[in-house]
Amino acid sequence: MLAYTNRQQTNKILFVDTDALTTLFYSEFLLTDSNSINVCKKFAEAILQTTKWDMILFLEPDVEFVQDGTRNEKIKSDRLHYSNQLKMLFDKYDLKYEIVEGDYLSRFDTAKKLIEKNLGLTTVW
């Protein structure tokens, strides 16, 4: 989960579930054609050059897996492994992130605290 805010113009936050790097991870995982993977990589890297996230919240896979019809069953079998691969991509591209884990209420409370600490915004939820 990524948080973006333009603090000079608003006091609101945009939460994004998937960014270019996450899409790159899935392309390397799901695509088999090396040319397609390379095109996706170049595209993701170009997007990374133009995107600045104020904060990245990395949600650990420590809650129950819920199949919503779009989630990959192979990833379900070893969520920790694939989560670590995704963090390695974030590290490779020098994107700093905050780990969020625990049950849903703990995640919510942690996210609020990180928003207040890192973005200087008071949460009222």
Protein backbone atom coordinates (compact mmCIF):
# COMPACT_ATOMS: atom_id res chain seq x y z
CA MET A 1 0.00 0.00 0.00
CA LEU A 2 1.39 3.36 -0.97
CA ALA A 3 0.41 6.71 0.41
CA TYR A 4 0.63 9.88 -1.61
CA THR A 5 -0.18 13.36 -0.52
CA ASN A 6 0.77 16.73 -1.91
CA ARG A 7 1.06 18.44 1.45
CA GLN A 8 1.39 21.86 -0.16
CA GLN A 9 -2.08 21.59 -1.72
CA THR A 10 -4.12 19.21 0.43
CA ASN A 11 -4.36 17.44 3.74
CA LYS A 12 -5.72 14.27 2.16
CA ILE A 13 -4.04 10.96 1.43
CA LEU A 14 -4.38 8.69 -1.58
CA PHE A 15 -3.89 5.00 -0.83
CA VAL A 16 -2.80 2.87 -3.78
CA ASP A 17 -2.77 -0.91 -3.70
CA THR A 18 -0.54 -1.56 -6.71
CA ASP A 19 2.15 0.56 -8.33
CA ALA A 20 4.52 0.11 -11.26
CA LEU A 21 6.98 -1.95 -9.22
CA THR A 22 4.27 -4.31 -8.01
CA THR A 23 3.12 -4.69 -11.61
CA LEU A 24 6.72 -5.44 -12.60
CA PHE A 25 6.86 -8.16 -9.93
CA TYR A 26 3.71 -9.78 -11.29
CA SER A 27 4.89 -9.49 -14.89
CA GLU A 28 8.08 -11.37 -14.03
CA PHE A 29 5.98 -13.93 -12.18
CA LEU A 30 3.18 -14.38 -14.73
CA LEU A 31 4.72 -13.66 -18.13
CA THR A 32 6.90 -16.18 -19.93
CA ASP A 33 8.07 -14.12 -22.91
CA SER A 34 11.36 -12.38 -22.05
CA ASN A 35 10.66 -9.55 -24.51
CA SER A 36 7.35 -8.77 -22.81
CA ILE A 37 9.01 -8.86 -19.40
CA ASN A 38 11.74 -6.50 -20.62
CA VAL A 39 9.18 -4.04 -22.03
CA CYS A 40 7.28 -4.13 -18.75
CA LYS A 41 10.52 -3.55 -16.82
CA LYS A 42 11.43 -0.50 -18.92
CA PHE A 43 7.92 0.87 -18.53
CA ALA A 44 7.94 0.32 -14.75
CA GLU A 45 11.34 1.99 -14.42
CA ALA A 46 10.14 4.99 -16.44
CA ILE A 47 7.12 5.35 -14.17
CA LEU A 48 9.34 5.06 -11.09
CA GLN A 49 11.32 8.06 -12.34
CA THR A 50 8.20 10.23 -12.29
CA THR A 51 6.54 8.97 -9.12
CA LYS A 52 7.33 10.10 -5.62
CA TRP A 53 5.60 8.37 -2.75
CA ASP A 54 5.59 10.17 0.58
CA MET A 55 5.31 6.86 2.35
CA ILE A 56 5.06 3.19 1.48
CA LEU A 57 3.25 0.87 3.85
CA PHE A 58 4.23 -2.72 3.18
CA LEU A 59 1.53 -5.10 4.38
CA GLU A 60 2.99 -8.41 5.48
CA PRO A 61 1.07 -11.54 4.44
CA ASP A 62 0.15 -12.47 8.01
CA VAL A 63 -3.63 -12.33 7.68
CA GLU A 64 -5.82 -15.00 6.13
CA PHE A 65 -5.59 -15.32 2.34
CA VAL A 66 -8.92 -14.46 0.74
CA GLN A 67 -9.48 -15.51 -2.86
CA ASP A 68 -11.41 -12.74 -4.58
CA GLY A 69 -11.21 -14.29 -8.03
CA THR A 70 -8.14 -12.31 -9.05
CA ARG A 71 -5.49 -13.60 -6.67
CA ASN A 72 -2.88 -16.09 -7.81
CA GLU A 73 -3.11 -19.53 -6.22
CA LYS A 74 0.63 -20.17 -6.65
CA ILE A 75 1.40 -17.12 -4.52
CA LYS A 76 -1.06 -18.39 -1.93
CA SER A 77 1.09 -21.48 -1.41
CA ASP A 78 4.13 -19.47 -0.28
CA ARG A 79 3.04 -15.94 0.52
CA LEU A 80 6.08 -15.14 2.68
CA HIS A 81 8.51 -16.08 -0.10
CA TYR A 82 6.77 -13.86 -2.65
CA SER A 83 6.38 -11.06 -0.14
CA ASN A 84 10.14 -11.15 0.42
CA GLN A 85 10.73 -11.06 -3.33
CA LEU A 86 8.59 -7.95 -3.58
CA LYS A 87 10.52 -6.29 -0.73
CA MET A 88 13.77 -7.15 -2.53
CA LEU A 89 12.45 -5.25 -5.57
CA PHE A 90 11.64 -2.25 -3.38
CA ASP A 91 15.16 -2.46 -1.94
CA LYS A 92 16.72 -2.79 -5.41
CA TYR A 93 15.05 0.45 -6.49
CA ASP A 94 15.90 2.11 -3.15
CA LEU A 95 12.28 2.61 -2.10
CA LYS A 96 11.95 2.91 1.66
CA TYR A 97 8.93 1.28 3.24
CA GLU A 98 7.32 0.79 6.61
CA ILE A 99 6.30 -2.73 7.64
CA VAL A 100 2.69 -3.16 8.73
CA GLU A 101 1.62 -6.47 10.22
CA GLY A 102 -0.79 -8.11 12.60
CA ASP A 103 -4.55 -8.46 12.57
CA TYR A 104 -6.67 -5.89 10.74
CA LEU A 105 -7.15 -3.64 13.76
CA SER A 106 -3.40 -3.65 14.50
CA ARG A 107 -2.70 -2.78 10.86
CA PHE A 108 -5.17 0.09 11.00
CA ASP A 109 -3.67 1.45 14.22
CA THR A 110 -0.11 1.11 12.89
CA ALA A 111 -1.04 2.89 9.65
CA LYS A 112 -2.59 5.78 11.59
CA LYS A 113 0.52 6.15 13.75
CA LEU A 114 2.82 6.06 10.71
CA ILE A 115 0.70 8.67 8.91
CA GLU A 116 0.90 10.97 11.91
CA LYS A 117 4.64 10.38 12.39
CA ASN A 118 5.83 10.45 8.76
CA LEU A 119 3.35 12.80 7.11
CA GLY A 120 2.58 15.08 10.03
CA LEU A 121 -1.16 14.64 9.56
CA THR A 122 -3.55 14.08 12.42
CA THR A 123 -5.81 11.10 11.89
CA VAL A 124 -9.39 11.36 13.13
CA TRP A 125 -10.66 7.87 12.35
